[in-house]
Amino acid sequence: MLQELDAQRLVALFVAGLALFNFPLLALWDHDVRVLGLPLFPLAMFLIWGLLIAAVAWIVERSPEAPMPDDGPT
């Protein structure tokens, strides 16, 4: 069941990424504005890209909720 939920979360994250990198939302960042000397558009693209990668890593790498069985005495 947990794997199904993770798969659903990854699909939802993929759809969110498609929406964020598509025209209507992408046009929000296309202005002649600088933030800390950096143009807003490339900065926003890099931050969105980084947040999507971090979210995928969090979903894939988080530990399962059920404890893993021991392999025996070591």
N, C-alpha and C. Protein backbone atom coordinates (compact mmCIF):
# COMPACT_ATOMS: atom_id res chain seq x y z
N MET A 1 0.82 -1.20 0.00
CA MET A 1 0.00 0.00 0.00
C MET A 1 0.86 1.26 0.00
N LEU A 2 1.96 1.21 0.75
CA LEU A 2 2.83 2.39 0.81
C LEU A 2 3.47 2.67 -0.54
N GLN A 3 3.79 1.60 -1.29
CA GLN A 3 4.38 1.79 -2.62
C GLN A 3 3.38 2.44 -3.57
N GLU A 4 2.10 2.09 -3.45
CA GLU A 4 1.08 2.72 -4.30
C GLU A 4 0.98 4.20 -3.99
N LEU A 5 1.04 4.55 -2.72
CA LEU A 5 0.95 5.95 -2.33
C LEU A 5 2.16 6.72 -2.83
N ASP A 6 3.34 6.11 -2.74
CA ASP A 6 4.54 6.77 -3.26
C ASP A 6 4.45 6.96 -4.77
N ALA A 7 3.93 5.97 -5.47
CA ALA A 7 3.77 6.08 -6.93
C ALA A 7 2.79 7.20 -7.27
N GLN A 8 1.72 7.30 -6.51
CA GLN A 8 0.75 8.37 -6.75
C GLN A 8 1.38 9.74 -6.48
N ARG A 9 2.19 9.82 -5.45
CA ARG A 9 2.86 11.09 -5.14
C ARG A 9 3.84 11.48 -6.24
N LEU A 10 4.57 10.50 -6.78
CA LEU A 10 5.50 10.79 -7.86
C LEU A 10 4.77 11.23 -9.13
N VAL A 11 3.64 10.62 -9.42
CA VAL A 11 2.86 11.04 -10.58
C VAL A 11 2.33 12.46 -10.37
N ALA A 12 1.85 12.75 -9.18
CA ALA A 12 1.36 14.10 -8.89
C ALA A 12 2.48 15.13 -8.99
N LEU A 13 3.67 14.76 -8.54
CA LEU A 13 4.82 15.65 -8.64
C LEU A 13 5.22 15.87 -10.10
N PHE A 14 5.12 14.83 -10.91
CA PHE A 14 5.40 14.95 -12.33
C PHE A 14 4.42 15.93 -12.99
N VAL A 15 3.15 15.79 -12.68
CA VAL A 15 2.13 16.68 -13.24
C VAL A 15 2.37 18.12 -12.77
N ALA A 16 2.74 18.29 -11.51
CA ALA A 16 3.04 19.63 -11.01
C ALA A 16 4.24 20.22 -11.73
N GLY A 17 5.25 19.39 -12.01
CA GLY A 17 6.41 19.86 -12.76
C GLY A 17 6.04 20.28 -14.18
N LEU A 18 5.18 19.50 -14.81
CA LEU A 18 4.71 19.88 -16.15
C LEU A 18 3.99 21.22 -16.11
N ALA A 19 3.15 21.40 -15.11
CA ALA A 19 2.41 22.66 -15.00
C ALA A 19 3.34 23.83 -14.73
N LEU A 20 4.32 23.62 -13.85
CA LEU A 20 5.22 24.72 -13.49
C LEU A 20 6.15 25.12 -14.64
N PHE A 21 6.51 24.17 -15.50
CA PHE A 21 7.41 24.47 -16.61
C PHE A 21 6.68 24.68 -17.92
N ASN A 22 5.38 24.92 -17.87
CA ASN A 22 4.60 25.16 -19.07
C ASN A 22 4.26 26.65 -19.16
N PHE A 23 3.75 27.09 -20.30
CA PHE A 23 3.63 28.51 -20.60
C PHE A 23 2.86 29.36 -19.58
N PRO A 24 1.64 29.06 -19.22
CA PRO A 24 0.94 30.05 -18.41
C PRO A 24 1.63 30.38 -17.09
N LEU A 25 2.13 29.39 -16.40
CA LEU A 25 2.81 29.67 -15.13
C LEU A 25 4.24 30.15 -15.35
N LEU A 26 4.86 29.71 -16.42
CA LEU A 26 6.22 30.14 -16.73
C LEU A 26 6.27 31.63 -17.05
N ALA A 27 5.21 32.15 -17.62
CA ALA A 27 5.17 33.56 -17.99
C ALA A 27 5.15 34.48 -16.76
N LEU A 28 4.81 33.94 -15.61
CA LEU A 28 4.82 34.76 -14.39
C LEU A 28 6.21 35.26 -14.04
N TRP A 29 7.23 34.51 -14.42
CA TRP A 29 8.60 34.84 -14.03
C TRP A 29 9.35 35.63 -15.08
N ASP A 30 8.78 35.84 -16.26
CA ASP A 30 9.50 36.47 -17.37
C ASP A 30 9.34 37.99 -17.32
N HIS A 31 10.11 38.62 -16.44
CA HIS A 31 10.10 40.08 -16.30
C HIS A 31 11.53 40.57 -16.19
N ASP A 32 11.74 41.85 -16.45
CA ASP A 32 13.06 42.45 -16.28
C ASP A 32 13.26 42.86 -14.83
N VAL A 33 13.39 41.87 -13.98
CA VAL A 33 13.59 42.10 -12.55
C VAL A 33 14.82 41.32 -12.13
N ARG A 34 15.60 41.91 -11.23
CA ARG A 34 16.78 41.22 -10.70
C ARG A 34 16.62 41.02 -9.20
N VAL A 35 17.02 39.83 -8.76
CA VAL A 35 16.99 39.50 -7.34
C VAL A 35 18.44 39.20 -6.94
N LEU A 36 18.98 40.00 -6.06
CA LEU A 36 20.38 39.89 -5.65
C LEU A 36 21.33 39.91 -6.85
N GLY A 37 20.99 40.71 -7.85
CA GLY A 37 21.81 40.85 -9.03
C GLY A 37 21.61 39.77 -10.08
N LEU A 38 20.73 38.82 -9.83
CA LEU A 38 20.46 37.74 -10.78
C LEU A 38 19.11 37.96 -11.45
N PRO A 39 19.02 37.68 -12.74
CA PRO A 39 17.72 37.81 -13.41
C PRO A 39 16.69 36.86 -12.80
N LEU A 40 15.46 37.31 -12.70
CA LEU A 40 14.41 36.55 -12.03
C LEU A 40 14.08 35.24 -12.75
N PHE A 41 14.01 35.26 -14.09
CA PHE A 41 13.57 34.08 -14.82
C PHE A 41 14.50 32.88 -14.62
N PRO A 42 15.82 32.99 -14.86
CA PRO A 42 16.68 31.83 -14.64
C PRO A 42 16.74 31.43 -13.16
N LEU A 43 16.67 32.40 -12.28
CA LEU A 43 16.68 32.09 -10.85
C LEU A 43 15.44 31.28 -10.46
N ALA A 44 14.29 31.69 -10.96
CA ALA A 44 13.06 30.95 -10.67
C ALA A 44 13.10 29.55 -11.26
N MET A 45 13.62 29.42 -12.49
CA MET A 45 13.73 28.09 -13.11
C MET A 45 14.62 27.17 -12.30
N PHE A 46 15.76 27.69 -11.84
CA PHE A 46 16.68 26.90 -11.05
C PHE A 46 16.06 26.50 -9.71
N LEU A 47 15.37 27.41 -9.05
CA LEU A 47 14.75 27.11 -7.76
C LEU A 47 13.61 26.09 -7.91
N ILE A 48 12.78 26.24 -8.93
CA ILE A 48 11.70 25.27 -9.16
C ILE A 48 12.29 23.89 -9.46
N TRP A 49 13.30 23.85 -10.31
CA TRP A 49 13.97 22.60 -10.66
C TRP A 49 14.56 21.94 -9.42
N GLY A 50 15.24 22.73 -8.60
CA GLY A 50 15.83 22.20 -7.37
C GLY A 50 14.79 21.69 -6.39
N LEU A 51 13.68 22.41 -6.26
CA LEU A 51 12.62 21.96 -5.36
C LEU A 51 11.96 20.67 -5.85
N LEU A 52 11.80 20.54 -7.16
CA LEU A 52 11.24 19.29 -7.70
C LEU A 52 12.18 18.11 -7.45
N ILE A 53 13.47 18.32 -7.63
CA ILE A 53 14.44 17.25 -7.36
C ILE A 53 14.44 16.89 -5.88
N ALA A 54 14.39 17.89 -5.01
CA ALA A 54 14.36 17.62 -3.57
C ALA A 54 13.10 16.86 -3.17
N ALA A 55 11.97 17.21 -3.77
CA ALA A 55 10.72 16.52 -3.45
C ALA A 55 10.76 15.07 -3.93
N VAL A 56 11.30 14.83 -5.12
CA VAL A 56 11.43 13.45 -5.60
C VAL A 56 12.36 12.66 -4.69
N ALA A 57 13.47 13.24 -4.30
CA ALA A 57 14.41 12.55 -3.42
C ALA A 57 13.76 12.24 -2.08
N TRP A 58 12.97 13.17 -1.56
CA TRP A 58 12.31 12.94 -0.27
C TRP A 58 11.31 11.80 -0.37
N ILE A 59 10.55 11.75 -1.46
CA ILE A 59 9.57 10.67 -1.63
C ILE A 59 10.25 9.33 -1.79
N VAL A 60 11.30 9.28 -2.60
CA VAL A 60 11.95 8.01 -2.91
C VAL A 60 12.82 7.51 -1.76
N GLU A 61 13.50 8.39 -1.07
CA GLU A 61 14.49 7.98 -0.08
C GLU A 61 14.00 7.91 1.35
N ARG A 62 12.81 8.34 1.64
CA ARG A 62 12.38 8.31 3.04
C ARG A 62 12.19 6.87 3.50
N SER A 63 12.39 6.67 4.78
CA SER A 63 12.34 5.31 5.31
C SER A 63 10.89 4.83 5.38
N PRO A 64 10.67 3.53 5.23
CA PRO A 64 9.30 3.01 5.34
C PRO A 64 8.78 3.15 6.77
N GLU A 65 7.47 3.22 6.90
CA GLU A 65 6.88 3.41 8.22
C GLU A 65 6.95 2.15 9.06
N ALA A 66 6.89 0.98 8.44
CA ALA A 66 6.98 -0.27 9.18
C ALA A 66 8.44 -0.59 9.44
N PRO A 67 8.78 -1.09 10.65
CA PRO A 67 10.17 -1.42 10.93
C PRO A 67 10.62 -2.63 10.12
N MET A 68 11.87 -2.61 9.70
CA MET A 68 12.43 -3.71 8.93
C MET A 68 12.79 -4.86 9.87
N PRO A 69 12.58 -6.11 9.45
CA PRO A 69 12.95 -7.24 10.32
C PRO A 69 14.47 -7.35 10.43
N ASP A 70 14.93 -7.84 11.57
CA ASP A 70 16.36 -8.03 11.79
C ASP A 70 16.87 -9.20 10.96
N ASP A 71 18.13 -9.12 10.57
CA ASP A 71 18.74 -10.22 9.82
C ASP A 71 19.26 -11.32 10.73
N GLY A 72 19.20 -11.13 12.00
CA GLY A 72 19.70 -12.11 12.95
C GLY A 72 20.87 -11.54 13.73
N PRO A 73 21.46 -12.36 14.58
CA PRO A 73 22.60 -11.84 15.37
C PRO A 73 23.81 -11.58 14.49
N THR A 74 24.53 -10.54 14.85
CA THR A 74 25.73 -10.21 14.08
C THR A 74 26.98 -10.46 14.88
